[in-house]
């Protein structure tokens, strides 16, 4: 196995690619526990089992690390959505159902990642916020395109599509804030519940 030359931890060389993933895992845990401002770069390095110099090899600052996490989390969510939507047709009801399912499952399975992206975006410095703003636009567009298509197809009857989209998206995203494994509903049950809720929000009227 080849190893990276520079990013060595206390226990010796880190396998190539392993240092970056160890840092990402540690940073997610520390940011989730303490928030961005409560976390230190030293805490993250210690949690990852790396030296500070090894961490700085991958990320020059805590701010760059936060931006990288948000970018990775968001792109991972987009991949889930793309996979779900690739398996369905062009009908808006079918596509919205697939999008809700992908979002709910992601918020359950990637709860920490979701919370960091949702809570810590406001702590991005302007240069990172500007660089990543297209991701936020795309996250909205995925939903609005389907809601708008449903209105055009005559299957969604909401009078205010923008507000309906906003409410539906926010409801699904908020699952990451309160979901607890082993609670009263499984992920599959939540998908069913939220599909029904979202279809009511867009005023779908089954015939």
C-alpha atoms as a PDB file:
ATOM      1  CA  UNK A   1       0.000   0.000   0.000  1.00  0.00           C
ATOM      2  CA  UNK A   2       1.358   3.415  -0.895  1.00  0.00           C
ATOM      3  CA  UNK A   3       1.420   6.088   1.764  1.00  0.00           C
ATOM      4  CA  UNK A   4       1.272   9.842   1.688  1.00  0.00           C
ATOM      5  CA  UNK A   5       4.675  11.412   2.321  1.00  0.00           C
ATOM      6  CA  UNK A   6       3.775  14.355   4.537  1.00  0.00           C
ATOM      7  CA  UNK A   7       0.611  13.708   6.603  1.00  0.00           C
ATOM      8  CA  UNK A   8       1.949  11.404   9.286  1.00  0.00           C
ATOM      9  CA  UNK A   9       0.030  10.907  12.513  1.00  0.00           C
ATOM     10  CA  UNK A  10       1.360   9.922  15.928  1.00  0.00           C
ATOM     11  CA  UNK A  11       1.250   6.278  14.949  1.00  0.00           C
ATOM     12  CA  UNK A  12       3.211   6.653  11.707  1.00  0.00           C
ATOM     13  CA  UNK A  13       2.338   7.202   8.055  1.00  0.00           C
ATOM     14  CA  UNK A  14      -1.334   7.453   7.162  1.00  0.00           C
ATOM     15  CA  UNK A  15      -2.461   5.442   4.082  1.00  0.00           C
ATOM     16  CA  UNK A  16      -2.969   7.733   1.095  1.00  0.00           C
ATOM     17  CA  UNK A  17      -6.507   9.128   1.334  1.00  0.00           C
ATOM     18  CA  UNK A  18      -6.887   7.917   4.906  1.00  0.00           C
ATOM     19  CA  UNK A  19      -5.751  11.164   6.486  1.00  0.00           C
ATOM     20  CA  UNK A  20      -8.332  13.258   4.710  1.00  0.00           C
ATOM     21  CA  UNK A  21     -11.144  10.872   5.639  1.00  0.00           C
ATOM     22  CA  UNK A  22      -9.966  10.641   9.251  1.00  0.00           C
ATOM     23  CA  UNK A  23     -10.023  14.441   9.474  1.00  0.00           C
ATOM     24  CA  UNK A  24     -13.476  14.657   7.893  1.00  0.00           C
ATOM     25  CA  UNK A  25     -14.892  12.079  10.306  1.00  0.00           C
ATOM     26  CA  UNK A  26     -13.332  13.784  13.324  1.00  0.00           C
ATOM     27  CA  UNK A  27     -14.433  17.249  12.192  1.00  0.00           C
ATOM     28  CA  UNK A  28     -18.028  16.122  11.707  1.00  0.00           C
ATOM     29  CA  UNK A  29     -18.083  14.684  15.217  1.00  0.00           C
ATOM     30  CA  UNK A  30     -16.506  17.738  16.856  1.00  0.00           C
ATOM     31  CA  UNK A  31     -18.619  20.266  14.941  1.00  0.00           C
ATOM     32  CA  UNK A  32     -21.755  18.290  15.815  1.00  0.00           C
ATOM     33  CA  UNK A  33     -20.832  18.196  19.508  1.00  0.00           C
ATOM     34  CA  UNK A  34     -19.489  21.730  19.974  1.00  0.00           C
ATOM     35  CA  UNK A  35     -20.518  23.761  16.960  1.00  0.00           C
ATOM     36  CA  UNK A  36     -18.108  25.500  14.626  1.00  0.00           C
ATOM     37  CA  UNK A  37     -17.055  28.225  17.039  1.00  0.00           C
ATOM     38  CA  UNK A  38     -16.721  25.827  19.960  1.00  0.00           C
ATOM     39  CA  UNK A  39     -14.456  23.463  18.049  1.00  0.00           C
ATOM     40  CA  UNK A  40     -10.706  23.962  17.741  1.00  0.00           C
ATOM     41  CA  UNK A  41      -8.439  22.688  15.025  1.00  0.00           C
ATOM     42  CA  UNK A  42      -6.369  21.022  17.753  1.00  0.00           C
ATOM     43  CA  UNK A  43      -9.455  19.126  19.005  1.00  0.00           C
ATOM     44  CA  UNK A  44     -10.134  17.870  15.492  1.00  0.00           C
ATOM     45  CA  UNK A  45      -6.550  16.746  14.928  1.00  0.00           C
ATOM     46  CA  UNK A  46      -6.521  14.923  18.263  1.00  0.00           C
ATOM     47  CA  UNK A  47      -9.841  13.206  17.499  1.00  0.00           C
ATOM     48  CA  UNK A  48      -8.463  12.120  14.106  1.00  0.00           C
ATOM     49  CA  UNK A  49      -5.289  10.759  15.704  1.00  0.00           C
ATOM     50  CA  UNK A  50      -3.124  13.136  13.674  1.00  0.00           C
ATOM     51  CA  UNK A  51      -0.665  15.890  14.376  1.00  0.00           C
ATOM     52  CA  UNK A  52      -1.569  19.509  13.661  1.00  0.00           C
ATOM     53  CA  UNK A  53       0.918  19.558  10.793  1.00  0.00           C
ATOM     54  CA  UNK A  54      -0.796  16.529   9.281  1.00  0.00           C
ATOM     55  CA  UNK A  55      -4.184  18.267   9.465  1.00  0.00           C
ATOM     56  CA  UNK A  56      -2.791  21.428   7.900  1.00  0.00           C
ATOM     57  CA  UNK A  57      -1.398  19.302   5.082  1.00  0.00           C
ATOM     58  CA  UNK A  58      -4.992  18.606   4.055  1.00  0.00           C
ATOM     59  CA  UNK A  59      -6.758  21.815   5.151  1.00  0.00           C
ATOM     60  CA  UNK A  60      -4.985  25.150   5.728  1.00  0.00           C
ATOM     61  CA  UNK A  61      -7.563  26.369   8.268  1.00  0.00           C
ATOM     62  CA  UNK A  62     -10.677  25.428  10.211  1.00  0.00           C
ATOM     63  CA  UNK A  63     -12.690  27.571   7.824  1.00  0.00           C
ATOM     64  CA  UNK A  64     -11.389  25.657   4.793  1.00  0.00           C
ATOM     65  CA  UNK A  65     -12.220  22.413   6.563  1.00  0.00           C
ATOM     66  CA  UNK A  66     -15.796  23.555   7.225  1.00  0.00           C
ATOM     67  CA  UNK A  67     -16.242  24.594   3.592  1.00  0.00           C
ATOM     68  CA  UNK A  68     -14.897  21.234   2.398  1.00  0.00           C
ATOM     69  CA  UNK A  69     -17.301  19.343   4.681  1.00  0.00           C
ATOM     70  CA  UNK A  70     -20.326  21.336   3.513  1.00  0.00           C
ATOM     71  CA  UNK A  71     -19.343  20.868  -0.113  1.00  0.00           C
ATOM     72  CA  UNK A  72     -18.808  17.113   0.284  1.00  0.00           C
ATOM     73  CA  UNK A  73     -22.073  16.707   2.210  1.00  0.00           C
ATOM     74  CA  UNK A  74     -24.085  18.622  -0.363  1.00  0.00           C
ATOM     75  CA  UNK A  75     -22.602  16.790  -3.330  1.00  0.00           C
ATOM     76  CA  UNK A  76     -23.299  13.476  -1.597  1.00  0.00           C
ATOM     77  CA  UNK A  77     -26.945  14.531  -1.151  1.00  0.00           C
ATOM     78  CA  UNK A  78     -27.167  15.489  -4.836  1.00  0.00           C
ATOM     79  CA  UNK A  79     -25.865  12.052  -5.823  1.00  0.00           C
ATOM     80  CA  UNK A  80     -28.631  10.422  -3.781  1.00  0.00           C
ATOM     81  CA  UNK A  81     -31.249  12.632  -5.430  1.00  0.00           C
ATOM     82  CA  UNK A  82     -29.873  12.006  -8.918  1.00  0.00           C
ATOM     83  CA  UNK A  83     -29.941   8.253  -8.368  1.00  0.00           C
ATOM     84  CA  UNK A  84     -33.526   8.359  -7.113  1.00  0.00           C
ATOM     85  CA  UNK A  85     -34.756  10.575  -9.947  1.00  0.00           C
ATOM     86  CA  UNK A  86     -32.941   8.542 -12.608  1.00  0.00           C
ATOM     87  CA  UNK A  87     -35.138   5.589 -11.727  1.00  0.00           C
ATOM     88  CA  UNK A  88     -38.470   7.302 -12.368  1.00  0.00           C
ATOM     89  CA  UNK A  89     -40.315   8.877 -15.284  1.00  0.00           C
ATOM     90  CA  UNK A  90     -41.249  12.471 -16.023  1.00  0.00           C
ATOM     91  CA  UNK A  91     -44.483  12.603 -14.018  1.00  0.00           C
ATOM     92  CA  UNK A  92     -44.244  15.225 -11.293  1.00  0.00           C
ATOM     93  CA  UNK A  93     -45.985  13.093  -8.659  1.00  0.00           C
ATOM     94  CA  UNK A  94     -43.589  10.223  -9.245  1.00  0.00           C
ATOM     95  CA  UNK A  95     -40.576  12.529  -9.235  1.00  0.00           C
ATOM     96  CA  UNK A  96     -41.611  14.404  -6.105  1.00  0.00           C
ATOM     97  CA  UNK A  97     -42.228  11.099  -4.341  1.00  0.00           C
ATOM     98  CA  UNK A  98     -38.720   9.939  -5.315  1.00  0.00           C
ATOM     99  CA  UNK A  99     -37.169  13.216  -4.166  1.00  0.00           C
ATOM    100  CA  UNK A 100     -38.930  13.098  -0.807  1.00  0.00           C
ATOM    101  CA  UNK A 101     -37.798   9.510  -0.315  1.00  0.00           C
ATOM    102  CA  UNK A 102     -34.173  10.306  -1.143  1.00  0.00           C
ATOM    103  CA  UNK A 103     -34.166  13.370   1.111  1.00  0.00           C
ATOM    104  CA  UNK A 104     -35.778  11.674   4.104  1.00  0.00           C
ATOM    105  CA  UNK A 105     -33.445   8.672   3.928  1.00  0.00           C
ATOM    106  CA  UNK A 106     -30.420  10.931   3.552  1.00  0.00           C
ATOM    107  CA  UNK A 107     -31.423  13.067   6.542  1.00  0.00           C
ATOM    108  CA  UNK A 108     -31.811   9.884   8.626  1.00  0.00           C
ATOM    109  CA  UNK A 109     -28.670   8.092   7.430  1.00  0.00           C
ATOM    110  CA  UNK A 110     -26.471  11.185   7.221  1.00  0.00           C
ATOM    111  CA  UNK A 111     -27.858  13.065  10.188  1.00  0.00           C
ATOM    112  CA  UNK A 112     -24.596  14.623  11.342  1.00  0.00           C
ATOM    113  CA  UNK A 113     -23.633  15.725   7.828  1.00  0.00           C
ATOM    114  CA  UNK A 114     -27.075  17.226   7.303  1.00  0.00           C
ATOM    115  CA  UNK A 115     -27.000  19.166  10.565  1.00  0.00           C
ATOM    116  CA  UNK A 116     -23.541  20.569   9.896  1.00  0.00           C
ATOM    117  CA  UNK A 117     -24.572  21.765   6.427  1.00  0.00           C
ATOM    118  CA  UNK A 118     -27.808  23.279   7.725  1.00  0.00           C
ATOM    119  CA  UNK A 119     -26.472  24.886  10.895  1.00  0.00           C
ATOM    120  CA  UNK A 120     -22.982  25.969   9.955  1.00  0.00           C
ATOM    121  CA  UNK A 121     -23.562  27.513   6.521  1.00  0.00           C
ATOM    122  CA  UNK A 122     -23.981  30.871   8.273  1.00  0.00           C
ATOM    123  CA  UNK A 123     -20.404  30.554   9.579  1.00  0.00           C
ATOM    124  CA  UNK A 124     -18.832  30.386   6.138  1.00  0.00           C
ATOM    125  CA  UNK A 125     -16.652  33.342   5.339  1.00  0.00           C
ATOM    126  CA  UNK A 126     -17.657  35.389   2.271  1.00  0.00           C
ATOM    127  CA  UNK A 127     -15.166  33.790  -0.128  1.00  0.00           C
ATOM    128  CA  UNK A 128     -16.396  30.286   0.706  1.00  0.00           C
ATOM    129  CA  UNK A 129     -20.045  31.317   0.726  1.00  0.00           C
ATOM    130  CA  UNK A 130     -19.616  32.840  -2.721  1.00  0.00           C
ATOM    131  CA  UNK A 131     -17.824  29.741  -4.040  1.00  0.00           C
ATOM    132  CA  UNK A 132     -20.503  27.384  -2.731  1.00  0.00           C
ATOM    133  CA  UNK A 133     -23.615  29.454  -3.375  1.00  0.00           C
ATOM    134  CA  UNK A 134     -24.373  27.533  -6.577  1.00  0.00           C
ATOM    135  CA  UNK A 135     -24.799  24.400  -4.476  1.00  0.00           C
ATOM    136  CA  UNK A 136     -27.465  26.122  -2.415  1.00  0.00           C
ATOM    137  CA  UNK A 137     -29.207  27.311  -5.577  1.00  0.00           C
ATOM    138  CA  UNK A 138     -29.154  23.780  -6.977  1.00  0.00           C
ATOM    139  CA  UNK A 139     -30.590  22.375  -3.725  1.00  0.00           C
ATOM    140  CA  UNK A 140     -33.564  24.692  -4.192  1.00  0.00           C
ATOM    141  CA  UNK A 141     -33.843  24.132  -7.938  1.00  0.00           C
ATOM    142  CA  UNK A 142     -34.152  20.356  -7.591  1.00  0.00           C
ATOM    143  CA  UNK A 143     -37.367  20.893  -5.632  1.00  0.00           C
ATOM    144  CA  UNK A 144     -38.760  23.913  -7.469  1.00  0.00           C
ATOM    145  CA  UNK A 145     -38.378  22.322 -10.915  1.00  0.00           C
ATOM    146  CA  UNK A 146     -40.546  19.396  -9.856  1.00  0.00           C
ATOM    147  CA  UNK A 147     -43.151  21.514  -8.089  1.00  0.00           C
ATOM    148  CA  UNK A 148     -43.376  23.874 -11.080  1.00  0.00           C
ATOM    149  CA  UNK A 149     -43.682  20.926 -13.449  1.00  0.00           C
ATOM    150  CA  UNK A 150     -46.510  19.511 -11.349  1.00  0.00           C
ATOM    151  CA  UNK A 151     -48.392  22.801 -11.543  1.00  0.00           C
ATOM    152  CA  UNK A 152     -47.893  22.873 -15.323  1.00  0.00           C
ATOM    153  CA  UNK A 153     -49.052  19.257 -15.609  1.00  0.00           C
ATOM    154  CA  UNK A 154     -52.158  20.077 -13.590  1.00  0.00           C
ATOM    155  CA  UNK A 155     -51.402  17.546 -10.850  1.00  0.00           C
ATOM    156  CA  UNK A 156     -50.396  20.071  -8.168  1.00  0.00           C
ATOM    157  CA  UNK A 157     -52.948  22.740  -7.340  1.00  0.00           C
ATOM    158  CA  UNK A 158     -51.045  24.871  -4.812  1.00  0.00           C
ATOM    159  CA  UNK A 159     -51.770  28.563  -5.269  1.00  0.00           C
ATOM    160  CA  UNK A 160     -48.278  29.603  -4.192  1.00  0.00           C
ATOM    161  CA  UNK A 161     -45.721  27.133  -5.617  1.00  0.00           C
ATOM    162  CA  UNK A 162     -42.689  28.954  -4.202  1.00  0.00           C
ATOM    163  CA  UNK A 163     -44.066  28.810  -0.668  1.00  0.00           C
ATOM    164  CA  UNK A 164     -45.171  25.211  -1.159  1.00  0.00           C
ATOM    165  CA  UNK A 165     -41.682  24.245  -2.308  1.00  0.00           C
ATOM    166  CA  UNK A 166     -40.117  26.047   0.624  1.00  0.00           C
ATOM    167  CA  UNK A 167     -42.405  24.350   3.154  1.00  0.00           C
ATOM    168  CA  UNK A 168     -41.938  20.882   1.662  1.00  0.00           C
ATOM    169  CA  UNK A 169     -38.169  21.173   1.478  1.00  0.00           C
ATOM    170  CA  UNK A 170     -37.883  22.593   5.002  1.00  0.00           C
ATOM    171  CA  UNK A 171     -40.077  19.848   6.469  1.00  0.00           C
ATOM    172  CA  UNK A 172     -37.912  17.089   5.029  1.00  0.00           C
ATOM    173  CA  UNK A 173     -34.621  18.791   5.914  1.00  0.00           C
ATOM    174  CA  UNK A 174     -35.731  19.313   9.530  1.00  0.00           C
ATOM    175  CA  UNK A 175     -35.862  15.558  10.125  1.00  0.00           C
ATOM    176  CA  UNK A 176     -32.114  15.595  10.779  1.00  0.00           C
ATOM    177  CA  UNK A 177     -32.682  17.898  13.757  1.00  0.00           C
ATOM    178  CA  UNK A 178     -35.046  15.690  15.706  1.00  0.00           C
ATOM    179  CA  UNK A 179     -34.701  12.118  14.398  1.00  0.00           C
ATOM    180  CA  UNK A 180     -33.417   9.559  16.878  1.00  0.00           C
ATOM    181  CA  UNK A 181     -32.548   5.982  15.898  1.00  0.00           C
ATOM    182  CA  UNK A 182     -34.869   3.512  17.567  1.00  0.00           C
ATOM    183  CA  UNK A 183     -37.640   6.081  17.859  1.00  0.00           C
ATOM    184  CA  UNK A 184     -41.299   5.675  17.080  1.00  0.00           C
ATOM    185  CA  UNK A 185     -40.905   5.575  13.292  1.00  0.00           C
ATOM    186  CA  UNK A 186     -38.499   3.766  10.971  1.00  0.00           C
ATOM    187  CA  UNK A 187     -36.933   5.461   7.965  1.00  0.00           C
ATOM    188  CA  UNK A 188     -39.384   3.636   5.706  1.00  0.00           C
ATOM    189  CA  UNK A 189     -42.326   4.861   7.757  1.00  0.00           C
ATOM    190  CA  UNK A 190     -40.988   8.411   7.687  1.00  0.00           C
ATOM    191  CA  UNK A 191     -40.706   8.256   3.905  1.00  0.00           C
ATOM    192  CA  UNK A 192     -44.361   7.257   3.729  1.00  0.00           C
ATOM    193  CA  UNK A 193     -45.436   9.933   6.237  1.00  0.00           C
ATOM    194  CA  UNK A 194     -43.517  12.737   4.572  1.00  0.00           C
ATOM    195  CA  UNK A 195     -44.550  11.740   1.081  1.00  0.00           C
ATOM    196  CA  UNK A 196     -48.159  12.153   2.173  1.00  0.00           C
ATOM    197  CA  UNK A 197     -47.382  15.446   3.914  1.00  0.00           C
ATOM    198  CA  UNK A 198     -45.553  16.915   0.920  1.00  0.00           C
ATOM    199  CA  UNK A 199     -48.218  15.860  -1.549  1.00  0.00           C
ATOM    200  CA  UNK A 200     -50.750  17.636   0.653  1.00  0.00           C
ATOM    201  CA  UNK A 201     -48.564  20.745   0.745  1.00  0.00           C
ATOM    202  CA  UNK A 202     -48.505  20.928  -3.076  1.00  0.00           C
ATOM    203  CA  UNK A 203     -52.238  20.115  -3.122  1.00  0.00           C
ATOM    204  CA  UNK A 204     -52.102  16.914  -5.126  1.00  0.00           C
ATOM    205  CA  UNK A 205     -55.615  15.555  -5.600  1.00  0.00           C
ATOM    206  CA  UNK A 206     -55.574  11.855  -6.507  1.00  0.00           C
ATOM    207  CA  UNK A 207     -58.352  10.790  -8.833  1.00  0.00           C
END
